[in-house]
N, C-alpha and C. Protein backbone atom coordinates (compact mmCIF):
# COMPACT_ATOMS: atom_id res chain seq x y z
N MET A 1 -5.25 -14.80 -1.74
CA MET A 1 -4.37 -14.37 -2.88
C MET A 1 -4.64 -12.90 -3.23
N HIS A 2 -3.73 -12.04 -3.29
CA HIS A 2 -4.14 -10.68 -3.52
C HIS A 2 -2.99 -10.07 -4.32
N TYR A 3 -3.26 -9.06 -5.18
CA TYR A 3 -2.28 -8.39 -5.91
C TYR A 3 -1.73 -7.23 -5.04
N ARG A 4 -0.66 -6.66 -5.51
CA ARG A 4 0.15 -5.71 -4.78
C ARG A 4 -0.82 -4.53 -4.30
N ASN A 5 -1.88 -4.23 -4.94
CA ASN A 5 -2.74 -3.12 -4.41
C ASN A 5 -3.85 -3.66 -3.52
N GLY A 6 -3.75 -5.01 -3.20
CA GLY A 6 -4.75 -5.49 -2.15
C GLY A 6 -5.88 -6.19 -2.87
N ARG A 7 -6.14 -6.03 -4.08
CA ARG A 7 -7.27 -6.64 -4.78
C ARG A 7 -7.13 -8.17 -4.85
N GLU A 8 -8.30 -8.73 -4.69
CA GLU A 8 -8.28 -10.28 -4.63
C GLU A 8 -7.88 -10.82 -5.93
N ALA A 9 -7.08 -11.71 -5.92
CA ALA A 9 -6.56 -12.40 -7.22
C ALA A 9 -7.40 -13.67 -7.45
N LYS A 10 -7.72 -13.81 -8.81
CA LYS A 10 -8.43 -15.05 -9.15
C LYS A 10 -7.87 -15.61 -10.55
N ASN A 11 -7.82 -17.00 -10.49
CA ASN A 11 -7.44 -17.53 -11.83
C ASN A 11 -8.31 -16.98 -12.94
N GLY A 12 -7.76 -16.71 -14.19
CA GLY A 12 -8.38 -16.16 -15.26
C GLY A 12 -8.36 -14.65 -15.28
N ASP A 13 -7.87 -14.01 -14.30
CA ASP A 13 -7.73 -12.52 -14.31
C ASP A 13 -6.69 -12.09 -15.36
N SER A 14 -7.02 -10.97 -15.96
CA SER A 14 -5.79 -10.48 -16.99
C SER A 14 -4.94 -9.65 -15.93
N ILE A 15 -3.70 -9.80 -16.11
CA ILE A 15 -2.69 -9.14 -15.20
C ILE A 15 -1.49 -8.59 -15.85
N VAL A 16 -0.81 -7.72 -15.21
CA VAL A 16 0.47 -7.13 -15.52
C VAL A 16 1.45 -7.41 -14.47
N HIS A 17 2.39 -8.13 -14.65
CA HIS A 17 3.49 -8.53 -13.72
C HIS A 17 4.61 -7.48 -13.77
N ILE A 18 4.69 -6.64 -12.71
CA ILE A 18 5.81 -5.69 -12.63
C ILE A 18 6.91 -6.14 -11.68
N ASN A 19 8.21 -5.77 -12.03
CA ASN A 19 9.21 -6.20 -11.20
C ASN A 19 9.07 -5.79 -9.69
N HIS A 20 10.00 -6.29 -8.88
CA HIS A 20 9.82 -6.11 -7.37
C HIS A 20 9.86 -4.59 -6.99
N ASP A 21 10.74 -3.79 -7.79
CA ASP A 21 10.68 -2.54 -7.37
C ASP A 21 9.84 -1.47 -8.30
N GLY A 22 8.89 -2.11 -9.01
CA GLY A 22 7.90 -1.25 -9.76
C GLY A 22 8.47 -0.47 -10.93
N THR A 23 9.64 -0.82 -11.45
CA THR A 23 10.31 -0.01 -12.59
C THR A 23 10.05 -0.56 -13.88
N SER A 24 9.50 -1.76 -14.04
CA SER A 24 9.33 -2.31 -15.36
C SER A 24 8.26 -3.31 -15.32
N VAL A 25 7.65 -3.66 -16.61
CA VAL A 25 6.72 -4.69 -16.76
C VAL A 25 7.47 -5.91 -17.21
N CYS A 26 7.20 -7.05 -16.60
CA CYS A 26 7.91 -8.35 -16.88
C CYS A 26 7.11 -9.04 -17.85
N ALA A 27 5.74 -9.05 -17.57
CA ALA A 27 4.85 -9.91 -18.42
C ALA A 27 3.42 -9.34 -18.38
N ILE A 28 2.67 -9.64 -19.39
CA ILE A 28 1.34 -9.42 -19.51
C ILE A 28 0.53 -10.60 -19.81
N GLY A 29 -0.62 -10.98 -19.20
CA GLY A 29 -1.29 -12.19 -19.59
C GLY A 29 -2.41 -12.45 -18.62
N TYR A 30 -2.69 -13.72 -18.58
CA TYR A 30 -3.75 -14.28 -17.54
C TYR A 30 -3.26 -15.15 -16.53
N LEU A 31 -3.80 -14.86 -15.22
CA LEU A 31 -3.34 -15.61 -14.22
C LEU A 31 -3.90 -17.02 -14.23
N VAL A 32 -3.01 -18.04 -14.14
CA VAL A 32 -3.42 -19.48 -14.11
C VAL A 32 -2.63 -20.22 -13.04
N GLU A 33 -3.34 -21.32 -12.58
CA GLU A 33 -2.57 -22.20 -11.59
C GLU A 33 -2.29 -21.61 -10.28
N ALA A 34 -2.99 -20.49 -9.85
CA ALA A 34 -2.84 -19.97 -8.54
C ALA A 34 -3.56 -20.61 -7.46
N GLN A 35 -2.77 -20.83 -6.30
CA GLN A 35 -3.33 -21.67 -5.23
C GLN A 35 -3.43 -20.78 -4.01
N PRO A 36 -4.58 -20.77 -3.37
CA PRO A 36 -4.76 -19.93 -2.21
C PRO A 36 -3.79 -20.31 -0.98
N GLY A 37 -3.56 -19.12 -0.29
CA GLY A 37 -2.70 -19.38 0.95
C GLY A 37 -1.38 -18.61 0.76
N ASN A 38 -1.00 -18.06 -0.21
CA ASN A 38 0.31 -17.36 -0.39
C ASN A 38 0.21 -16.45 -1.43
N ASP A 39 0.81 -15.24 -1.35
CA ASP A 39 0.72 -14.09 -2.23
C ASP A 39 2.23 -14.10 -2.99
N TYR A 40 3.14 -14.96 -2.63
CA TYR A 40 4.42 -14.87 -3.27
C TYR A 40 4.67 -16.18 -4.03
N CYS A 41 5.24 -16.08 -5.20
CA CYS A 41 5.58 -17.23 -6.03
C CYS A 41 4.42 -18.20 -6.17
N ASN A 42 3.19 -17.55 -6.43
CA ASN A 42 2.03 -18.31 -6.36
C ASN A 42 1.35 -18.13 -7.78
N GLY A 43 1.32 -19.10 -8.64
CA GLY A 43 0.56 -18.96 -9.86
C GLY A 43 1.47 -18.77 -11.12
N ARG A 44 1.02 -18.80 -12.31
CA ARG A 44 1.64 -18.66 -13.49
C ARG A 44 1.02 -17.63 -14.34
N ILE A 45 1.73 -17.06 -15.26
CA ILE A 45 1.20 -16.17 -16.23
C ILE A 45 1.12 -16.75 -17.52
N ALA A 46 -0.05 -16.91 -18.27
CA ALA A 46 -0.25 -17.35 -19.57
C ALA A 46 -0.09 -15.98 -20.37
N GLN A 47 1.13 -15.85 -20.94
CA GLN A 47 1.48 -14.56 -21.52
C GLN A 47 0.70 -14.43 -22.82
N ILE A 48 0.38 -13.03 -23.03
CA ILE A 48 -0.41 -12.78 -24.33
C ILE A 48 0.68 -11.99 -25.17
N GLN A 49 0.79 -12.54 -26.39
CA GLN A 49 1.69 -11.96 -27.33
C GLN A 49 0.99 -11.70 -28.66
N SER A 50 1.04 -10.61 -29.21
CA SER A 50 0.52 -10.38 -30.52
C SER A 50 1.44 -9.35 -31.26
N PRO A 51 2.50 -9.96 -31.94
CA PRO A 51 3.50 -9.09 -32.48
C PRO A 51 3.02 -8.18 -33.52
N GLY A 52 1.89 -8.42 -34.13
CA GLY A 52 1.32 -7.65 -35.21
C GLY A 52 0.20 -6.77 -34.77
N ALA A 53 0.10 -6.47 -33.48
CA ALA A 53 -1.01 -5.72 -32.92
C ALA A 53 -0.72 -4.17 -33.25
N SER A 54 -1.80 -3.44 -33.48
CA SER A 54 -1.73 -2.14 -33.85
C SER A 54 -1.98 -1.36 -32.53
N ALA A 55 -1.55 -0.04 -32.46
CA ALA A 55 -1.80 0.64 -31.12
C ALA A 55 -2.30 1.96 -31.52
N CYS A 56 -3.40 2.20 -30.65
CA CYS A 56 -4.04 3.61 -30.60
C CYS A 56 -3.18 4.30 -29.48
N LEU A 57 -2.34 5.14 -29.94
CA LEU A 57 -1.48 5.81 -28.79
C LEU A 57 -2.22 6.52 -27.71
N CYS A 58 -3.42 6.93 -28.05
CA CYS A 58 -4.22 7.63 -27.00
C CYS A 58 -4.61 6.69 -25.99
N ASP A 59 -4.47 5.35 -26.24
CA ASP A 59 -4.83 4.28 -25.21
C ASP A 59 -3.70 3.71 -24.55
N CYS A 60 -2.34 4.23 -24.75
CA CYS A 60 -1.26 3.57 -24.22
C CYS A 60 -0.59 4.44 -23.29
N LEU A 61 0.28 3.77 -22.53
CA LEU A 61 1.27 4.55 -21.60
C LEU A 61 2.70 4.10 -21.85
N HIS A 62 3.58 5.02 -21.73
CA HIS A 62 4.99 4.60 -21.71
C HIS A 62 5.31 3.89 -20.40
N MET A 63 6.20 2.83 -20.49
CA MET A 63 6.57 2.09 -19.31
C MET A 63 7.02 3.09 -18.19
N ASP A 64 7.78 4.10 -18.33
CA ASP A 64 8.32 4.96 -17.43
C ASP A 64 7.18 5.70 -16.76
N ASP A 65 6.17 6.04 -17.33
CA ASP A 65 5.04 6.74 -16.96
C ASP A 65 4.19 5.81 -15.97
N LEU A 66 4.02 4.54 -16.40
CA LEU A 66 3.49 3.60 -15.60
C LEU A 66 4.12 3.34 -14.35
N ALA A 67 5.46 3.30 -14.43
CA ALA A 67 6.44 3.09 -13.18
C ALA A 67 6.16 4.34 -12.23
N LYS A 68 6.04 5.49 -12.79
CA LYS A 68 5.79 6.69 -12.01
C LYS A 68 4.43 6.68 -11.23
N LEU A 69 3.43 6.31 -12.00
CA LEU A 69 2.15 6.14 -11.40
C LEU A 69 2.10 5.17 -10.21
N LEU A 70 2.83 4.10 -10.53
CA LEU A 70 2.83 2.99 -9.35
C LEU A 70 3.48 3.50 -8.24
N LYS A 71 4.66 4.40 -8.35
CA LYS A 71 5.25 4.88 -7.34
C LYS A 71 4.46 5.96 -6.55
N GLU A 72 3.73 6.81 -7.35
CA GLU A 72 2.97 7.82 -6.74
C GLU A 72 1.85 7.14 -5.78
N LYS A 73 1.43 5.95 -6.19
CA LYS A 73 0.38 5.31 -5.38
C LYS A 73 0.86 4.47 -4.41
N GLY A 74 2.17 4.35 -4.21
CA GLY A 74 2.91 3.50 -3.24
C GLY A 74 2.88 2.07 -3.67
N LEU A 75 2.65 1.73 -4.79
CA LEU A 75 2.55 0.33 -5.36
C LEU A 75 3.99 -0.08 -5.90
N ASP A 76 5.04 0.65 -5.69
CA ASP A 76 6.34 0.35 -6.29
C ASP A 76 7.10 -0.56 -5.35
N LYS A 77 6.52 -0.92 -4.20
CA LYS A 77 7.12 -1.78 -3.30
C LYS A 77 6.30 -3.07 -2.99
N ARG A 78 6.98 -4.05 -2.68
CA ARG A 78 6.12 -5.30 -2.37
C ARG A 78 5.61 -5.16 -0.86
N PRO A 79 4.39 -5.64 -0.69
CA PRO A 79 3.87 -5.62 0.77
C PRO A 79 4.75 -6.65 1.54
N ALA A 80 4.59 -6.43 2.97
CA ALA A 80 5.26 -7.38 3.96
C ALA A 80 4.70 -8.65 3.62
N GLY A 81 5.56 -9.76 3.83
CA GLY A 81 5.12 -11.15 3.75
C GLY A 81 4.26 -11.51 4.87
N LYS A 82 3.48 -12.44 4.67
CA LYS A 82 2.53 -13.09 5.50
C LYS A 82 3.19 -14.21 6.44
């Protein structure tokens, strides 16, 4: 099991789920129930939500900027299936 950038995926990892073309974030949370043997439709995200959370803007990125960084690194496209 691997993430889009090739890093090995493990249950309990904190993850950001981006859409297939790398233009938006779909969910943020922890990886759960992932089963080895497939990188597609494998696992669930225990979403993290904190509507009252404060933000230090120096620690944040706009979603458009994240998408641009993903594209620059070639991570805006899904890898070929196995």
